[in-house]
């Protein structure tokens, strides 16, 4: 009886396979590489855009003939957590980076996904001017790269639902 159960379990598991949800087998990686991103207007938006290009193309850069287009708008804001001007030492702060994006198909302009993502990056701020500027910039960069990863995941989900184009020889 145990042997029969064991053989049944092995037979059932033999048909199983483990692979990433949005793997190359589904064609999502190829679709991600066919995305063009809108030009950036500010530094943090440029960091997000550059990271998205890297994450979607695998470091190959933007495609010359995009099938999809992403309109991207990113804003960043720094704020102190505590307003204590008499405090000595490091003060806590936060950088909020928000990204709005619209994924559309180039061929017909159909909007496939509209989304908003927000990331908060915490930091300790010194009262030295250059150290404060550098700490804020580092926090913006961290938040921008994390935001790009979330947006890339959203784009992968949206593109995984897109039908796979058939090769011309099958039509």
N, C-alpha and C. Protein backbone atom coordinates (compact mmCIF):
# COMPACT_ATOMS: atom_id res chain seq x y z
N UNK A 1 0.83 -1.19 0.00
CA UNK A 1 0.00 0.00 0.00
C UNK A 1 0.88 1.25 0.00
N UNK A 2 1.91 1.27 0.89
CA UNK A 2 2.82 2.42 0.94
C UNK A 2 3.59 2.56 -0.36
N UNK A 3 3.94 1.44 -0.95
CA UNK A 3 4.68 1.48 -2.21
C UNK A 3 3.82 2.09 -3.31
N UNK A 4 2.56 1.71 -3.37
CA UNK A 4 1.65 2.24 -4.38
C UNK A 4 1.47 3.75 -4.19
N UNK A 5 1.31 4.17 -2.93
CA UNK A 5 1.18 5.60 -2.64
C UNK A 5 2.43 6.34 -3.04
N UNK A 6 3.58 5.78 -2.72
CA UNK A 6 4.86 6.41 -3.05
C UNK A 6 5.06 6.54 -4.55
N UNK A 7 4.72 5.48 -5.30
CA UNK A 7 4.84 5.54 -6.76
C UNK A 7 3.88 6.55 -7.37
N UNK A 8 2.68 6.64 -6.81
CA UNK A 8 1.71 7.62 -7.30
C UNK A 8 2.21 9.04 -7.05
N UNK A 9 2.76 9.27 -5.87
CA UNK A 9 3.28 10.59 -5.54
C UNK A 9 4.44 10.97 -6.45
N UNK A 10 5.33 10.02 -6.71
CA UNK A 10 6.47 10.27 -7.60
C UNK A 10 5.98 10.55 -9.01
N UNK A 11 4.99 9.81 -9.47
CA UNK A 11 4.47 10.02 -10.82
C UNK A 11 3.81 11.40 -10.95
N UNK A 12 3.11 11.82 -9.90
CA UNK A 12 2.47 13.13 -9.95
C UNK A 12 3.50 14.26 -9.92
N UNK A 13 4.54 14.09 -9.12
CA UNK A 13 5.56 15.13 -9.03
C UNK A 13 6.45 15.18 -10.26
N UNK A 14 6.51 14.09 -11.00
CA UNK A 14 7.35 14.08 -12.20
C UNK A 14 6.84 15.07 -13.24
N UNK A 15 5.56 15.35 -13.25
CA UNK A 15 4.99 16.30 -14.20
C UNK A 15 5.13 17.74 -13.76
N UNK A 16 5.56 17.95 -12.52
CA UNK A 16 5.69 19.32 -12.00
C UNK A 16 7.04 19.91 -12.39
N UNK A 17 7.03 21.19 -12.55
CA UNK A 17 8.29 21.89 -12.79
C UNK A 17 8.25 23.22 -12.07
N UNK A 18 9.40 23.67 -11.67
CA UNK A 18 9.50 24.94 -10.98
C UNK A 18 10.23 25.90 -11.91
N UNK A 19 9.59 27.05 -12.15
CA UNK A 19 10.21 28.09 -12.98
C UNK A 19 9.62 29.43 -12.57
N UNK A 20 10.31 30.51 -12.85
CA UNK A 20 9.78 31.83 -12.49
C UNK A 20 8.45 32.09 -13.18
N UNK A 21 7.59 32.83 -12.51
CA UNK A 21 6.26 33.11 -13.02
C UNK A 21 6.30 33.84 -14.36
N UNK A 22 7.17 34.81 -14.50
CA UNK A 22 7.26 35.58 -15.74
C UNK A 22 8.59 35.27 -16.41
N UNK A 23 8.79 34.01 -16.76
CA UNK A 23 10.07 33.56 -17.29
C UNK A 23 10.14 33.75 -18.79
N UNK A 24 11.25 33.39 -19.36
CA UNK A 24 11.47 33.49 -20.79
C UNK A 24 10.55 32.55 -21.56
N UNK A 25 10.14 31.45 -20.94
CA UNK A 25 9.28 30.50 -21.63
C UNK A 25 7.95 31.12 -22.02
N UNK A 26 7.47 32.09 -21.26
CA UNK A 26 6.19 32.74 -21.57
C UNK A 26 6.36 33.88 -22.57
N UNK A 27 7.60 34.24 -22.89
CA UNK A 27 7.85 35.33 -23.83
C UNK A 27 7.81 36.71 -23.21
N UNK A 28 7.61 36.79 -21.90
CA UNK A 28 7.52 38.09 -21.24
C UNK A 28 8.83 38.86 -21.32
N UNK A 29 9.94 38.17 -21.19
CA UNK A 29 11.25 38.84 -21.27
C UNK A 29 11.47 39.51 -22.61
N UNK A 30 11.04 38.85 -23.68
CA UNK A 30 11.18 39.45 -25.01
C UNK A 30 10.28 40.66 -25.16
N UNK A 31 9.07 40.58 -24.59
CA UNK A 31 8.16 41.73 -24.66
C UNK A 31 8.69 42.89 -23.84
N UNK A 32 9.28 42.62 -22.68
CA UNK A 32 9.86 43.69 -21.86
C UNK A 32 10.98 44.41 -22.61
N UNK A 33 11.74 43.65 -23.38
CA UNK A 33 12.85 44.25 -24.14
C UNK A 33 12.36 45.13 -25.28
N UNK A 34 11.06 45.06 -25.61
CA UNK A 34 10.51 45.85 -26.71
C UNK A 34 9.79 47.11 -26.22
N UNK A 35 10.13 47.57 -25.01
CA UNK A 35 9.51 48.76 -24.44
C UNK A 35 10.40 49.98 -24.64
N UNK A 36 9.79 51.08 -25.01
CA UNK A 36 10.47 52.38 -25.05
C UNK A 36 9.91 53.22 -23.91
N UNK A 37 10.76 54.00 -23.26
CA UNK A 37 10.36 54.82 -22.13
C UNK A 37 10.44 56.29 -22.51
N UNK A 38 9.49 57.07 -22.00
CA UNK A 38 9.46 58.51 -22.31
C UNK A 38 10.71 59.19 -21.75
N UNK A 39 11.13 60.30 -22.36
CA UNK A 39 12.31 61.02 -21.86
C UNK A 39 12.06 61.56 -20.44
N UNK A 40 13.13 61.69 -19.70
CA UNK A 40 13.04 62.17 -18.31
C UNK A 40 13.17 63.69 -18.26
N UNK A 41 12.49 64.27 -17.26
CA UNK A 41 12.54 65.72 -17.09
C UNK A 41 13.42 66.16 -15.93
N UNK A 42 13.71 65.27 -15.00
CA UNK A 42 14.52 65.63 -13.83
C UNK A 42 15.43 64.46 -13.45
N UNK A 43 16.34 64.70 -12.51
CA UNK A 43 17.37 63.73 -12.17
C UNK A 43 16.80 62.41 -11.64
N UNK A 44 15.87 62.45 -10.69
CA UNK A 44 15.34 61.22 -10.10
C UNK A 44 14.56 60.43 -11.15
N UNK A 45 13.83 61.13 -11.98
CA UNK A 45 13.11 60.46 -13.07
C UNK A 45 14.09 59.77 -14.02
N UNK A 46 15.24 60.40 -14.26
CA UNK A 46 16.26 59.80 -15.12
C UNK A 46 16.83 58.53 -14.49
N UNK A 47 17.02 58.53 -13.18
CA UNK A 47 17.52 57.33 -12.49
C UNK A 47 16.51 56.19 -12.64
N UNK A 48 15.23 56.49 -12.45
CA UNK A 48 14.19 55.47 -12.62
C UNK A 48 14.18 54.96 -14.05
N UNK A 49 14.22 55.87 -15.02
CA UNK A 49 14.21 55.50 -16.43
C UNK A 49 15.40 54.62 -16.78
N UNK A 50 16.58 55.02 -16.36
CA UNK A 50 17.78 54.23 -16.66
C UNK A 50 17.70 52.83 -16.05
N UNK A 51 17.22 52.75 -14.82
CA UNK A 51 17.10 51.45 -14.16
C UNK A 51 16.06 50.58 -14.87
N UNK A 52 14.96 51.18 -15.31
CA UNK A 52 13.94 50.43 -16.05
C UNK A 52 14.49 49.90 -17.37
N UNK A 53 15.25 50.72 -18.06
CA UNK A 53 15.85 50.27 -19.32
C UNK A 53 16.77 49.09 -19.05
N UNK A 54 17.57 49.19 -18.00
CA UNK A 54 18.48 48.09 -17.66
C UNK A 54 17.70 46.83 -17.29
N UNK A 55 16.66 46.97 -16.47
CA UNK A 55 15.90 45.81 -16.00
C UNK A 55 15.09 45.15 -17.12
N UNK A 56 14.60 45.93 -18.07
CA UNK A 56 13.78 45.35 -19.13
C UNK A 56 14.59 44.82 -20.30
N UNK A 57 15.75 45.39 -20.54
CA UNK A 57 16.55 44.97 -21.70
C UNK A 57 17.70 44.05 -21.32
N UNK A 58 17.94 43.86 -20.04
CA UNK A 58 19.08 43.06 -19.63
C UNK A 58 20.40 43.75 -19.87
N UNK A 59 20.38 45.08 -19.95
CA UNK A 59 21.61 45.85 -20.14
C UNK A 59 21.91 46.15 -21.59
N UNK A 60 21.04 45.72 -22.51
CA UNK A 60 21.29 45.94 -23.93
C UNK A 60 20.87 47.32 -24.42
N UNK A 61 20.15 48.06 -23.60
CA UNK A 61 19.68 49.38 -24.00
C UNK A 61 18.31 49.31 -24.63
N UNK A 62 17.80 50.48 -25.01
CA UNK A 62 16.45 50.52 -25.60
C UNK A 62 16.45 49.95 -27.01
N UNK A 63 15.32 49.37 -27.34
CA UNK A 63 15.16 48.79 -28.67
C UNK A 63 14.93 49.89 -29.71
N UNK A 64 15.47 49.74 -30.91
CA UNK A 64 15.23 50.75 -31.94
C UNK A 64 13.82 50.70 -32.53
N UNK A 65 13.14 49.56 -32.40
CA UNK A 65 11.78 49.40 -32.94
C UNK A 65 10.85 48.91 -31.82
N UNK A 66 10.42 49.82 -30.94
CA UNK A 66 9.61 49.38 -29.79
C UNK A 66 8.20 48.94 -30.20
N UNK A 67 7.70 47.93 -29.51
CA UNK A 67 6.33 47.47 -29.68
C UNK A 67 5.41 48.08 -28.62
N UNK A 68 6.03 48.50 -27.51
CA UNK A 68 5.28 49.07 -26.39
C UNK A 68 5.95 50.37 -25.96
N UNK A 69 5.17 51.23 -25.34
CA UNK A 69 5.69 52.52 -24.89
C UNK A 69 5.19 52.78 -23.47
N UNK A 70 6.09 53.32 -22.64
CA UNK A 70 5.72 53.67 -21.27
C UNK A 70 5.92 55.17 -21.09
N UNK A 71 4.82 55.86 -20.76
CA UNK A 71 4.89 57.27 -20.39
C UNK A 71 5.10 57.30 -18.88
N UNK A 72 6.19 57.90 -18.46
CA UNK A 72 6.61 57.85 -17.06
C UNK A 72 6.73 59.25 -16.49
N UNK A 73 6.16 59.45 -15.29
CA UNK A 73 6.31 60.72 -14.57
C UNK A 73 6.70 60.38 -13.14
N UNK A 74 7.83 60.91 -12.70
CA UNK A 74 8.35 60.62 -11.36
C UNK A 74 8.53 61.92 -10.60
N UNK A 75 8.13 61.92 -9.34
CA UNK A 75 8.36 63.07 -8.46
C UNK A 75 9.06 62.58 -7.20
N UNK A 76 9.89 63.44 -6.63
CA UNK A 76 10.60 63.12 -5.40
C UNK A 76 10.48 64.30 -4.45
N UNK A 77 10.30 63.98 -3.18
CA UNK A 77 10.18 65.03 -2.17
C UNK A 77 10.90 64.59 -0.90
N UNK A 78 11.69 65.51 -0.33
CA UNK A 78 12.40 65.25 0.92
C UNK A 78 11.70 65.99 2.05
N UNK A 79 11.62 65.34 3.20
CA UNK A 79 11.05 66.01 4.38
C UNK A 79 11.75 65.52 5.64
N UNK A 80 11.83 66.41 6.63
CA UNK A 80 12.35 66.03 7.94
C UNK A 80 11.27 65.27 8.69
N UNK A 81 11.69 64.29 9.47
CA UNK A 81 10.73 63.57 10.30
C UNK A 81 10.49 64.34 11.59
N UNK A 82 11.55 64.91 12.13
CA UNK A 82 11.44 65.73 13.35
C UNK A 82 11.82 67.16 13.00
N UNK A 83 11.07 68.11 13.50
CA UNK A 83 11.40 69.53 13.31
C UNK A 83 11.98 70.07 14.61
N UNK A 84 13.23 69.72 14.87
CA UNK A 84 13.89 70.16 16.09
C UNK A 84 15.19 70.84 15.70
N UNK A 85 15.16 72.14 15.59
CA UNK A 85 16.32 72.88 15.13
C UNK A 85 17.44 72.92 16.17
N UNK A 86 17.14 72.65 17.43
CA UNK A 86 18.15 72.70 18.48
C UNK A 86 18.81 71.35 18.70
N UNK A 87 18.38 70.34 17.99
CA UNK A 87 18.93 68.99 18.18
C UNK A 87 20.38 68.95 17.69
N UNK A 88 21.16 68.12 18.34
CA UNK A 88 22.56 67.95 17.99
C UNK A 88 22.72 66.56 17.37
N UNK A 89 23.54 66.46 16.34
CA UNK A 89 23.79 65.16 15.71
C UNK A 89 22.90 64.94 14.50
N UNK A 90 22.74 63.69 14.17
CA UNK A 90 21.96 63.32 13.00
C UNK A 90 20.47 63.46 13.26
N UNK A 91 19.76 63.91 12.24
CA UNK A 91 18.31 64.05 12.30
C UNK A 91 17.69 63.08 11.30
N UNK A 92 16.59 62.42 11.66
CA UNK A 92 15.95 61.51 10.71
C UNK A 92 15.18 62.28 9.64
N UNK A 93 15.18 61.74 8.44
CA UNK A 93 14.45 62.33 7.33
C UNK A 93 13.92 61.24 6.43
N UNK A 94 13.15 61.65 5.44
CA UNK A 94 12.61 60.68 4.49
C UNK A 94 12.53 61.31 3.11
N UNK A 95 12.67 60.45 2.13
CA UNK A 95 12.50 60.84 0.74
C UNK A 95 11.36 60.00 0.19
N UNK A 96 10.35 60.65 -0.36
CA UNK A 96 9.23 59.96 -1.00
C UNK A 96 9.37 60.12 -2.51
N UNK A 97 9.40 58.99 -3.20
CA UNK A 97 9.48 58.99 -4.66
C UNK A 97 8.22 58.31 -5.18
N UNK A 98 7.53 59.00 -6.07
CA UNK A 98 6.28 58.50 -6.63
C UNK A 98 6.40 58.43 -8.14
N UNK A 99 5.91 57.36 -8.71
CA UNK A 99 5.96 57.20 -10.16
C UNK A 99 4.60 56.84 -10.73
N UNK A 100 4.16 57.60 -11.72
CA UNK A 100 2.95 57.31 -12.48
C UNK A 100 3.40 56.83 -13.85
N UNK A 101 2.77 55.77 -14.33
CA UNK A 101 3.17 55.24 -15.64
C UNK A 101 1.96 54.74 -16.40
N UNK A 102 2.08 54.78 -17.72
CA UNK A 102 1.05 54.26 -18.63
C UNK A 102 1.75 53.42 -19.68
N UNK A 103 1.39 52.15 -19.75
CA UNK A 103 1.92 51.23 -20.75
C UNK A 103 0.92 51.13 -21.88
N UNK A 104 1.38 51.39 -23.10
CA UNK A 104 0.49 51.29 -24.25
C UNK A 104 1.19 50.56 -25.40
N UNK A 105 0.38 49.98 -26.26
CA UNK A 105 0.88 49.28 -27.44
C UNK A 105 1.12 50.32 -28.52
N UNK A 106 2.25 50.29 -29.18
CA UNK A 106 2.62 51.27 -30.20
C UNK A 106 1.74 51.12 -31.44
N UNK A 107 1.44 49.90 -31.84
CA UNK A 107 0.73 49.66 -33.10
C UNK A 107 -0.65 50.30 -33.14
N UNK A 108 -1.40 50.24 -32.05
CA UNK A 108 -2.76 50.79 -32.08
C UNK A 108 -3.02 51.80 -30.96
N UNK A 109 -2.03 52.05 -30.09
CA UNK A 109 -2.18 53.03 -29.02
C UNK A 109 -3.04 52.56 -27.85
N UNK A 110 -3.41 51.30 -27.84
CA UNK A 110 -4.24 50.78 -26.74
C UNK A 110 -3.47 50.80 -25.43
N UNK A 111 -4.11 51.32 -24.39
CA UNK A 111 -3.50 51.38 -23.06
C UNK A 111 -3.66 50.01 -22.40
N UNK A 112 -2.54 49.41 -22.01
CA UNK A 112 -2.56 48.09 -21.40
C UNK A 112 -2.51 48.14 -19.88
N UNK A 113 -1.90 49.19 -19.34
CA UNK A 113 -1.75 49.28 -17.88
C UNK A 113 -1.50 50.73 -17.50
N UNK A 114 -2.18 51.17 -16.46
CA UNK A 114 -1.94 52.48 -15.86
C UNK A 114 -1.71 52.22 -14.38
N UNK A 115 -0.66 52.80 -13.83
CA UNK A 115 -0.38 52.54 -12.43
C UNK A 115 0.38 53.65 -11.75
N UNK A 116 0.38 53.57 -10.43
CA UNK A 116 1.13 54.48 -9.58
C UNK A 116 1.83 53.66 -8.52
N UNK A 117 3.08 53.93 -8.30
CA UNK A 117 3.85 53.28 -7.24
C UNK A 117 4.56 54.35 -6.43
N UNK A 118 4.71 54.08 -5.13
CA UNK A 118 5.39 55.03 -4.23
C UNK A 118 6.40 54.26 -3.37
N UNK A 119 7.52 54.89 -3.14
CA UNK A 119 8.57 54.33 -2.30
C UNK A 119 9.02 55.40 -1.32
N UNK A 120 9.24 55.00 -0.08
CA UNK A 120 9.79 55.90 0.93
C UNK A 120 11.15 55.37 1.34
N UNK A 121 12.13 56.23 1.33
CA UNK A 121 13.49 55.89 1.74
C UNK A 121 13.86 56.75 2.95
N UNK A 122 14.25 56.10 4.02
CA UNK A 122 14.61 56.82 5.25
C UNK A 122 16.11 57.12 5.26
N UNK A 123 16.49 58.21 5.94
CA UNK A 123 17.88 58.60 6.00
C UNK A 123 18.14 59.39 7.27
N UNK A 124 19.40 59.46 7.63
CA UNK A 124 19.86 60.31 8.73
C UNK A 124 20.58 61.49 8.11
N UNK A 125 20.20 62.68 8.53
CA UNK A 125 20.72 63.90 7.93
C UNK A 125 21.63 64.62 8.91
N UNK A 126 22.80 64.96 8.43
CA UNK A 126 23.75 65.74 9.21
C UNK A 126 23.43 67.21 9.01
N UNK A 127 23.89 68.05 9.90
CA UNK A 127 23.68 69.49 9.77
C UNK A 127 24.74 70.13 8.86
N UNK A 128 25.67 69.34 8.36
CA UNK A 128 26.64 69.86 7.40
C UNK A 128 25.97 69.89 6.03
N UNK A 129 26.09 70.98 5.34
CA UNK A 129 25.33 71.19 4.11
C UNK A 129 25.63 70.13 3.05
N UNK A 130 26.92 69.88 2.76
CA UNK A 130 27.25 68.90 1.72
C UNK A 130 26.82 67.51 2.14
N UNK A 131 27.02 67.16 3.39
CA UNK A 131 26.61 65.83 3.87
C UNK A 131 25.11 65.65 3.76
N UNK A 132 24.37 66.71 4.03
CA UNK A 132 22.90 66.63 3.90
C UNK A 132 22.50 66.43 2.44
N UNK A 133 23.10 67.20 1.53
CA UNK A 133 22.80 67.05 0.11
C UNK A 133 23.12 65.64 -0.39
N UNK A 134 24.27 65.12 0.05
CA UNK A 134 24.69 63.79 -0.39
C UNK A 134 23.76 62.71 0.16
N UNK A 135 23.35 62.85 1.42
CA UNK A 135 22.45 61.86 2.04
C UNK A 135 21.10 61.85 1.34
N UNK A 136 20.58 63.02 1.01
CA UNK A 136 19.29 63.10 0.31
C UNK A 136 19.42 62.49 -1.08
N UNK A 137 20.50 62.79 -1.78
CA UNK A 137 20.69 62.23 -3.13
C UNK A 137 20.81 60.71 -3.08
N UNK A 138 21.54 60.19 -2.11
CA UNK A 138 21.66 58.73 -1.98
C UNK A 138 20.31 58.09 -1.69
N UNK A 139 19.51 58.72 -0.84
CA UNK A 139 18.18 58.20 -0.53
C UNK A 139 17.28 58.26 -1.77
N UNK A 140 17.39 59.33 -2.55
CA UNK A 140 16.61 59.42 -3.79
C UNK A 140 17.00 58.31 -4.75
N UNK A 141 18.30 58.04 -4.88
CA UNK A 141 18.76 56.98 -5.78
C UNK A 141 18.27 55.61 -5.33
N UNK A 142 18.34 55.35 -4.01
CA UNK A 142 17.85 54.06 -3.50
C UNK A 142 16.37 53.89 -3.79
N UNK A 143 15.60 54.94 -3.51
CA UNK A 143 14.15 54.87 -3.74
C UNK A 143 13.84 54.75 -5.23
N UNK A 144 14.57 55.45 -6.07
CA UNK A 144 14.34 55.40 -7.51
C UNK A 144 14.58 54.00 -8.06
N UNK A 145 15.64 53.35 -7.62
CA UNK A 145 15.94 52.00 -8.10
C UNK A 145 14.90 50.99 -7.61
N UNK A 146 14.44 51.15 -6.39
CA UNK A 146 13.40 50.27 -5.88
C UNK A 146 12.08 50.51 -6.62
N UNK A 147 11.78 51.76 -6.90
CA UNK A 147 10.58 52.09 -7.67
C UNK A 147 10.63 51.45 -9.05
N UNK A 148 11.78 51.48 -9.69
CA UNK A 148 11.94 50.88 -11.02
C UNK A 148 11.68 49.38 -10.96
N UNK A 149 12.12 48.72 -9.91
CA UNK A 149 11.88 47.28 -9.79
C UNK A 149 10.39 46.98 -9.65
N UNK A 150 9.66 47.80 -8.89
CA UNK A 150 8.22 47.58 -8.76
C UNK A 150 7.49 47.83 -10.08
N UNK A 151 7.88 48.89 -10.78
CA UNK A 151 7.24 49.20 -12.05
C UNK A 151 7.55 48.10 -13.06
N UNK A 152 8.77 47.61 -13.08
CA UNK A 152 9.13 46.52 -13.99
C UNK A 152 8.28 45.28 -13.73
N UNK A 153 8.04 44.97 -12.46
CA UNK A 153 7.19 43.82 -12.12
C UNK A 153 5.76 44.04 -12.62
N UNK A 154 5.25 45.26 -12.46
CA UNK A 154 3.91 45.57 -12.97
C UNK A 154 3.85 45.43 -14.50
N UNK A 155 4.89 45.90 -15.17
CA UNK A 155 4.93 45.80 -16.62
C UNK A 155 4.98 44.33 -17.06
N UNK A 156 5.75 43.52 -16.35
CA UNK A 156 5.84 42.10 -16.67
C UNK A 156 4.49 41.41 -16.52
N UNK A 157 3.77 41.76 -15.48
CA UNK A 157 2.44 41.18 -15.27
C UNK A 157 1.51 41.57 -16.42
N UNK A 158 1.52 42.85 -16.78
CA UNK A 158 0.64 43.31 -17.86
C UNK A 158 1.01 42.66 -19.19
N UNK A 159 2.30 42.55 -19.47
CA UNK A 159 2.72 41.98 -20.76
C UNK A 159 2.55 40.46 -20.79
N UNK A 160 2.54 39.81 -19.64
CA UNK A 160 2.33 38.36 -19.65
C UNK A 160 0.91 38.01 -20.08
N UNK A 161 0.01 38.96 -19.98
CA UNK A 161 -1.39 38.77 -20.41
C UNK A 161 -1.58 39.05 -21.90
N UNK A 162 -0.60 39.67 -22.52
CA UNK A 162 -0.65 39.97 -23.94
C UNK A 162 -0.49 38.67 -24.73
N UNK A 163 -1.28 38.47 -25.78
CA UNK A 163 -1.10 37.26 -26.58
C UNK A 163 0.25 37.26 -27.28
N UNK A 164 0.83 36.10 -27.37
CA UNK A 164 2.12 35.92 -28.03
C UNK A 164 1.92 36.06 -29.54
N UNK A 165 2.65 36.96 -30.20
CA UNK A 165 2.48 37.07 -31.66
C UNK A 165 2.95 35.79 -32.36
N UNK A 166 2.21 35.39 -33.38
CA UNK A 166 2.58 34.19 -34.12
C UNK A 166 3.64 34.54 -35.16
N UNK A 167 4.59 33.63 -35.36
CA UNK A 167 5.58 33.86 -36.43
C UNK A 167 4.87 33.95 -37.77
N UNK A 168 5.44 34.68 -38.71
CA UNK A 168 4.82 34.88 -40.01
C UNK A 168 4.64 33.58 -40.78
N UNK A 169 5.47 32.61 -40.56
CA UNK A 169 5.35 31.34 -41.29
C UNK A 169 4.17 30.51 -40.81
N UNK A 170 3.58 30.84 -39.61
CA UNK A 170 2.43 30.09 -39.11
C UNK A 170 1.11 30.73 -39.53
N UNK A 171 1.12 31.91 -40.09
CA UNK A 171 -0.12 32.60 -40.45
C UNK A 171 -0.70 32.10 -41.74
